[in-house]
Amino acid sequence: MSFQRLVRFVNAQGTTSFGDLKSEPTGDLAGAEVEVLEGDIEKGFRGTGRTDKIEKLLCPLPSVPLVICIGLNYQKHATEANLRIPPYPVVFTKPADALAGPLDAVSIHPDAQGMLDYEGELTVVMGRDAKNVNEAEALQYVLGYTVGNDVSARNFQLPDTSGGQFCYAKSFDGFAPIGPCIAAPGVVGDPQKLRLVTRVNGEVRQETETSDMIFSVARIIAHLSRGTTLRKGTVIQTGTPSGVGLFMEPKGFLKDGDVVEVAIDGIGAIRNKMVFE
């Protein structure tokens, strides 16, 4: 069965279910009515003919095989970072426990607090196992699109703390919030024609069209699947635009209590409060 906007939620009785939201999400969705779905990412979904109301919105995926991230994938971001455009996508990963929900507070370890940053991103969820997929067919393997924030502890991206690798700085628990739904490809349309906005405490920090991407979603999937199986349910964060806190003057690093909102037209918004331990 196809869906429009896949959500995962708890109802008033405490039951966790998947649902199909028929309109673009707004707010925290409390009280919104959805069609209840049976199944999961692995086996697929089927309608039940029943409706229910959302009491609490959850991460749309209970778990993932892997979170794969693309770095330096917007032209203007490469310019602000004063870095040359790479010939291939810059790839790193996050562990499954980095996953968080669209409204979850993100608990920040003391060692990650000094240079904490945000990265709003269009995020892809794979709907089929993919290996050696060509660019022309790549989007056929997509389950849907969601909104993500590649939360980053920049102090662990510095040359003397990172060894030139991004993974550790971005792999703390909760550093990959996604949601509020997984919007079907037919709902989203062309993933290279979307508007993304990131706000910190209501202040716009990032605003872009996904047409500014260096590597398209299709090209990213083709590259990642070269000789490598991308399992269904794999999450791909496709890179962040210009406007990150690292390159602001003065620096725009996140502080305790800051709320980061990332919104993409047609999909919705995630809002996560940073809570320093």
Protein backbone atom coordinates (compact mmCIF):
# COMPACT_ATOMS: atom_id res chain seq x y z
CA MET A 1 0.00 0.00 0.00
CA SER A 2 1.15 3.51 -0.74
CA PHE A 3 0.94 6.34 1.79
CA GLN A 4 1.08 10.10 1.58
CA ARG A 5 2.89 11.05 4.78
CA LEU A 6 3.98 8.22 7.05
CA VAL A 7 3.99 9.07 10.76
CA ARG A 8 4.63 7.06 13.88
CA PHE A 9 2.72 8.08 16.97
CA VAL A 10 1.28 7.23 20.37
CA ASN A 11 -2.48 7.54 20.86
CA ALA A 12 -4.37 8.54 24.02
CA GLN A 13 -4.39 4.91 25.21
CA GLY A 14 -0.60 4.63 24.94
CA THR A 15 -0.56 2.45 21.83
CA THR A 16 2.21 3.06 19.29
CA SER A 17 1.21 2.82 15.63
CA PHE A 18 2.10 3.94 12.14
CA GLY A 19 -0.34 6.25 10.40
CA ASP A 20 -0.94 8.04 7.13
CA LEU A 21 -1.33 11.80 7.47
CA LYS A 22 -3.23 13.25 4.53
CA SER A 23 -2.11 16.88 4.87
CA GLU A 24 1.19 18.68 5.41
CA PRO A 25 2.16 18.57 9.11
CA THR A 26 1.87 21.71 11.21
CA GLY A 27 2.75 22.18 14.88
CA ASP A 28 3.23 19.12 17.08
CA LEU A 29 0.30 17.28 15.42
CA ALA A 30 -1.34 16.59 18.79
CA GLY A 31 -4.97 15.75 18.05
CA ALA A 32 -4.40 15.27 14.32
CA GLU A 33 -6.35 12.41 12.77
CA VAL A 34 -4.57 9.76 10.70
CA GLU A 35 -5.42 6.49 9.01
CA VAL A 36 -3.87 3.67 11.05
CA LEU A 37 -1.46 1.47 9.09
CA GLU A 38 -0.30 -2.06 9.82
CA GLY A 39 3.16 -3.34 8.92
CA ASP A 40 6.64 -1.87 8.98
CA ILE A 41 9.46 -0.70 6.74
CA GLU A 42 10.68 -4.25 6.19
CA LYS A 43 7.36 -5.85 5.24
CA GLY A 44 5.50 -2.85 3.89
CA PHE A 45 2.32 -1.14 5.05
CA ARG A 46 -1.37 -1.80 4.58
CA GLY A 47 -4.38 0.25 5.52
CA THR A 48 -6.71 -0.84 8.30
CA GLY A 49 -9.69 1.35 7.46
CA ARG A 50 -9.48 2.75 10.99
CA THR A 51 -8.57 6.26 12.06
CA ASP A 52 -6.92 7.44 15.26
CA LYS A 53 -5.69 10.66 16.81
CA ILE A 54 -2.10 11.52 17.58
CA GLU A 55 -1.34 12.08 21.26
CA LYS A 56 2.44 12.22 20.80
CA LEU A 57 4.45 12.27 17.59
CA LEU A 58 7.46 9.93 17.44
CA CYS A 59 10.44 9.48 15.15
CA PRO A 60 8.97 8.05 11.93
CA LEU A 61 11.45 5.17 12.09
CA PRO A 62 11.87 3.07 15.26
CA SER A 63 15.36 2.03 14.13
CA VAL A 64 17.59 2.17 11.07
CA PRO A 65 20.34 0.00 9.58
CA LEU A 66 22.57 3.05 9.21
CA VAL A 67 22.55 6.81 8.82
CA ILE A 68 24.70 7.87 5.87
CA CYS A 69 25.63 11.54 5.56
CA ILE A 70 26.94 13.65 2.71
CA GLY A 71 29.26 16.54 3.48
CA LEU A 72 29.94 19.69 1.46
CA ASN A 73 27.03 19.22 -0.94
CA TYR A 74 25.79 22.77 -1.50
CA GLN A 75 27.60 25.25 -3.74
CA LYS A 76 27.16 28.18 -1.35
CA HIS A 77 28.24 26.09 1.64
CA ALA A 78 31.46 25.15 -0.17
CA THR A 79 32.01 28.84 -0.85
CA GLU A 80 31.49 29.91 2.78
CA ALA A 81 33.84 27.12 3.92
CA ASN A 82 36.42 28.18 1.32
CA LEU A 83 36.73 24.58 0.15
CA ARG A 84 36.99 23.23 -3.36
CA ILE A 85 34.09 21.24 -4.76
CA PRO A 86 34.90 17.52 -4.43
CA PRO A 87 34.83 15.21 -7.48
CA TYR A 88 32.78 12.67 -5.53
CA PRO A 89 30.38 13.03 -2.60
CA VAL A 90 32.01 13.34 0.83
CA VAL A 91 30.61 10.41 2.82
CA PHE A 92 30.48 9.67 6.54
CA THR A 93 28.09 7.77 8.78
CA LYS A 94 26.23 8.01 12.07
CA PRO A 95 25.29 5.02 14.25
CA ALA A 96 21.67 3.97 14.69
CA ASP A 97 21.53 5.47 18.20
CA ALA A 98 22.08 8.94 16.74
CA LEU A 99 18.47 8.78 15.53
CA ALA A 100 15.97 11.04 17.33
CA GLY A 101 12.41 12.21 16.84
CA PRO A 102 11.11 15.45 15.35
CA LEU A 103 10.22 17.03 18.70
CA ASP A 104 12.72 15.29 20.99
CA ALA A 105 15.06 17.21 23.25
CA VAL A 106 18.66 16.43 22.31
CA SER A 107 20.84 15.74 25.34
CA ILE A 108 24.31 17.21 24.81
CA HIS A 109 27.33 15.58 26.46
CA PRO A 110 29.59 18.08 28.29
CA ASP A 111 32.45 17.44 25.86
CA ALA A 112 30.22 18.33 22.88
CA GLN A 113 28.90 21.65 24.21
CA GLY A 114 31.65 24.12 23.33
CA MET A 115 31.15 24.32 19.55
CA LEU A 116 27.72 22.76 19.02
CA ASP A 117 26.27 23.40 15.57
CA TYR A 118 23.22 22.67 13.42
CA GLU A 119 22.92 21.46 9.83
CA GLY A 120 19.44 21.39 8.30
CA GLU A 121 19.17 18.70 5.63
CA LEU A 122 16.82 17.01 3.19
CA THR A 123 16.84 13.39 4.30
CA VAL A 124 16.10 10.32 2.18
CA VAL A 125 14.72 6.98 3.42
CA MET A 126 15.39 3.94 1.25
CA GLY A 127 12.38 1.76 0.50
CA ARG A 128 14.17 -1.11 -1.24
CA ASP A 129 17.57 -2.74 -0.97
CA ALA A 130 19.80 -1.11 -3.56
CA LYS A 131 23.15 -2.18 -5.03
CA ASN A 132 24.84 -0.94 -8.19
CA VAL A 133 21.90 1.30 -9.01
CA ASN A 134 22.32 3.74 -11.87
CA GLU A 135 21.41 7.39 -11.53
CA ALA A 136 18.44 7.15 -13.89
CA GLU A 137 16.77 4.50 -11.72
CA ALA A 138 17.94 5.65 -8.28
CA LEU A 139 14.80 7.50 -7.17
CA GLN A 140 12.71 4.36 -7.73
CA TYR A 141 14.36 2.94 -4.59
CA VAL A 142 13.26 5.82 -2.35
CA LEU A 143 10.53 5.19 0.22
CA GLY A 144 10.16 8.88 0.90
CA TYR A 145 11.71 12.09 2.16
CA THR A 146 11.93 13.60 5.61
CA VAL A 147 13.56 16.55 7.38
CA GLY A 148 16.82 16.14 9.28
CA ASN A 149 19.35 17.99 11.40
CA ASP A 150 22.96 16.79 11.26
CA VAL A 151 23.84 18.02 14.77
CA SER A 152 27.61 18.53 14.98
CA ALA A 153 30.17 18.97 17.77
CA ARG A 154 32.62 21.11 15.79
CA ASN A 155 35.36 20.81 18.41
CA PHE A 156 35.71 17.19 17.32
CA GLN A 157 36.03 18.22 13.66
CA LEU A 158 39.19 20.23 14.29
CA PRO A 159 42.38 18.79 12.73
CA ASP A 160 43.95 17.81 16.06
CA THR A 161 40.81 16.06 17.33
CA SER A 162 39.36 14.48 14.19
CA GLY A 163 42.15 12.97 12.13
CA GLY A 164 40.37 14.51 9.15
CA GLN A 165 37.21 12.48 9.81
CA PHE A 166 33.69 13.84 10.43
CA CYS A 167 32.09 10.75 11.97
CA TYR A 168 32.88 11.14 15.68
CA ALA A 169 31.78 14.79 15.85
CA LYS A 170 28.37 13.87 14.50
CA SER A 171 27.72 10.49 16.12
CA PHE A 172 26.59 11.33 19.65
CA ASP A 173 23.24 9.88 20.70
CA GLY A 174 20.40 12.01 19.35
CA PHE A 175 22.53 13.85 16.79
CA ALA A 176 20.27 12.81 13.88
CA PRO A 177 16.72 14.00 14.60
CA ILE A 178 14.35 13.40 11.68
CA GLY A 179 10.64 13.81 10.93
CA PRO A 180 7.90 14.82 11.31
CA CYS A 181 6.84 12.34 8.63
CA ILE A 182 8.20 10.42 5.68
CA ALA A 183 6.57 12.09 2.69
CA ALA A 184 6.03 9.86 -0.33
CA PRO A 185 7.92 10.70 -3.54
CA GLY A 186 4.63 11.51 -5.26
CA VAL A 187 3.85 14.08 -2.56
CA VAL A 188 7.29 15.69 -2.64
CA GLY A 189 7.85 15.72 -6.39
CA ASP A 190 11.31 16.68 -7.63
CA PRO A 191 13.69 16.55 -4.63
CA GLN A 192 15.88 19.16 -6.33
CA LYS A 193 13.09 21.75 -6.22
CA LEU A 194 12.45 22.08 -2.49
CA ARG A 195 12.88 25.00 -0.10
CA LEU A 196 14.70 24.38 3.19
CA VAL A 197 14.84 26.81 6.11
CA THR A 198 16.67 26.41 9.43
CA ARG A 199 15.84 28.63 12.40
CA VAL A 200 17.48 28.93 15.81
CA ASN A 201 15.09 30.36 18.41
CA GLY A 202 13.03 31.72 15.51
CA GLU A 203 15.97 33.43 13.75
CA VAL A 204 16.54 32.28 10.17
CA ARG A 205 20.05 30.84 9.85
CA GLN A 206 19.80 28.78 6.66
CA GLU A 207 17.53 29.27 3.65
CA THR A 208 18.03 27.53 0.34
CA GLU A 209 16.57 25.70 -2.60
CA THR A 210 17.78 22.12 -2.99
CA SER A 211 18.72 23.01 -6.56
CA ASP A 212 21.94 24.38 -5.00
CA MET A 213 23.07 20.81 -4.29
CA ILE A 214 26.34 19.79 -5.94
CA PHE A 215 25.31 16.13 -6.14
CA SER A 216 21.62 15.37 -6.70
CA VAL A 217 19.72 12.83 -4.61
CA ALA A 218 19.77 10.40 -7.54
CA ARG A 219 23.51 10.77 -8.00
CA ILE A 220 24.12 10.31 -4.27
CA ILE A 221 22.16 7.04 -4.22
CA ALA A 222 23.96 5.77 -7.31
CA HIS A 223 27.33 6.59 -5.76
CA LEU A 224 26.55 5.06 -2.36
CA SER A 225 25.20 1.85 -3.93
CA ARG A 226 28.33 1.22 -6.00
CA GLY A 227 29.42 -2.24 -4.84
CA THR A 228 27.60 -1.64 -1.56
CA THR A 229 24.12 -2.72 -0.50
CA LEU A 230 21.93 0.06 0.86
CA ARG A 231 19.37 -1.75 3.00
CA LYS A 232 15.75 -0.64 3.03
CA GLY A 233 15.23 1.76 5.89
CA THR A 234 18.68 3.29 5.47
CA VAL A 235 18.61 7.04 6.10
CA ILE A 236 20.65 9.36 3.88
CA GLN A 237 21.24 12.95 4.96
CA THR A 238 22.06 14.83 1.77
CA GLY A 239 24.16 17.72 3.05
CA THR A 240 23.57 21.17 4.50
CA PRO A 241 23.41 24.60 2.86
CA SER A 242 25.29 27.74 3.82
CA GLY A 243 24.56 29.49 7.11
CA VAL A 244 25.95 27.10 9.71
CA GLY A 245 27.04 28.61 13.02
CA LEU A 246 30.70 27.79 12.42
CA PHE A 247 31.01 30.35 9.63
CA MET A 248 29.02 33.16 11.23
CA GLU A 249 30.74 36.23 12.70
CA PRO A 250 30.41 36.20 15.61
CA LYS A 251 30.10 32.43 15.77
CA GLY A 252 26.56 31.12 15.99
CA PHE A 253 27.11 28.00 18.06
CA LEU A 254 24.18 26.54 19.94
CA LYS A 255 23.66 27.11 23.65
CA ASP A 256 21.76 25.28 26.35
CA GLY A 257 18.04 25.61 25.71
CA ASP A 258 18.29 26.70 22.08
CA VAL A 259 15.55 25.35 19.82
CA VAL A 260 16.52 24.41 16.28
CA GLU A 261 13.75 24.20 13.69
CA VAL A 262 14.36 22.78 10.23
CA ALA A 263 11.49 23.02 7.73
CA ILE A 264 11.09 21.76 4.18
CA ASP A 265 8.08 22.69 2.09
CA GLY A 266 5.70 19.78 1.58
CA ILE A 267 7.27 17.65 4.32
CA GLY A 268 6.98 19.72 7.50
CA ALA A 269 9.32 20.77 10.28
CA ILE A 270 11.31 19.32 13.16
CA ARG A 271 11.91 21.31 16.35
CA ASN A 272 14.54 20.09 18.78
CA LYS A 273 15.67 21.73 22.01
CA MET A 274 19.35 21.39 22.91
CA VAL A 275 19.67 20.35 26.57
CA PHE A 276 23.18 20.47 28.02
CA GLU A 277 23.91 17.67 30.50
